Amino acid sequence: MRKIIHCDCDCFYASVEMRDDPNLRGRPIAVGGASDRRGVISTCNYEARSFGVRSAMPTAQAKKLCPDLIVVPGNMKKYREVSAQIREIFLSYTDFIEPLSLDEAFLDVTDSPHCNGSATLIAREIRARVEKELQITISAGVAPNKFLAKIASDWQKPNGLTVINPDAVEDFTLRLPVHKIHGVGRVTAEKMHRQGIRTCSDLRRFSLIELVQKYGKFGERLYQLCRGIDNRPVSGDGSRKSVSVEHTFTQDLHEKEKWLEEMTTLYGRLHERLEQLGDRYAISSAVIKIKYADFTQSTQERGSKAARISEFKQLLEQCWEKRRDPIRLLGVGVKLRDLRAELGPEQLPLPFKGKTRSTPR
């Protein structure tokens, strides 16, 4: 029995923008293109959604629905950085991660030793850490397979956690509306409704042959999913590219001595995480990350095989010499080489098929 977690950030791009500009909080905002340039909404916060604003909607239409809508241009570089930081948190619990996009992923924690092996407690810890360390929220679903975990993560959005225990799969699936099944779009759902099919319980009235006749190859998938069956594994190479820790301060740091003091604390946390990696990885470089009070960001990097604290002090000194303005965030990290991947697949010994020959005496 697998233990699968599906994590999905709440209005990811908009959440990052609200985090970085507190003046946007509590106001309807969207990330997308300008209305006078035929722009399209990428995502929006829940205040905007209450007006009917949705992803993929033309910005001009969104502005008609919500005249006070604030449209922020997207910053994919920043979103990718936050996504990588979230992945680092995931990797603290399992190497089996399947990203679906920048803001969502499946995690297989079946054999994870963390939280006494409880997928529910792991999901709670992940959500708490993402909110504390990155100031954005994640909704999560916990279930015995990917199909149910993904549905569960959307069940109590935003900032929710839904758990479907193995003994609850049958009851949950029977009551599940067919439009919740991935692949059942609006047109297919309307077709099903006209045929009296509104829940998975209704779908179960049909045999496999009947569902294939009605819906083609997708009918086979429907036959499995309406019974809560999904044997797809979480597919990911489990290879991490970096390890980092960072902290956002309640008050900006002005003095170099304070920078060094906080960096030393962060280095201790980084060292603890590096000790958990084992001998699969080798360090290739050390990195310092800084975000200034005006939200601009800078990184300093150098090649390193040991990531000594003296190297991080030198990097921080370079940051200070480059710009001596107050900072709101400081991070330390290392980039990694996956030694197992560099070795390539292991060659298993071939069995000897010839006749056994005695060794001459």
Foldseek 3Di string as FASTA:
>chain_A
DWKKKKKFFAQQQQQLVCVLPVVCPPPKEFEWDDLVVQMFTQTIHVNLVVLVDGGRHGVVVSCVSPVRYHYHYTDVVVLQVLLLVLVLLLLVFALLWADPDSGMIMDTNCPTPPPVSDSQVSVVVSQVCCCQQVVTGMFMEIERDDQRGVLQSPPDPDRYYYYQYPVNQQVVLQAAFPCSGPPCDPVNSVVCVVVVRTGLVSVCVDDLVRQCVVPNPVSNVSNQVSRVHDPDGRDDPSDRFKHKGKHFDPDWDQDLVVVLVVVVVRVVVQVVVVVVPPDQKWFFKKKKKFAAPSRDIDMFMDTDGPPDSVVVSVRSVVVCVVDRGTTRMIMIMTTIDGNVVVVPDDDDDDDDDDDDDDDDD
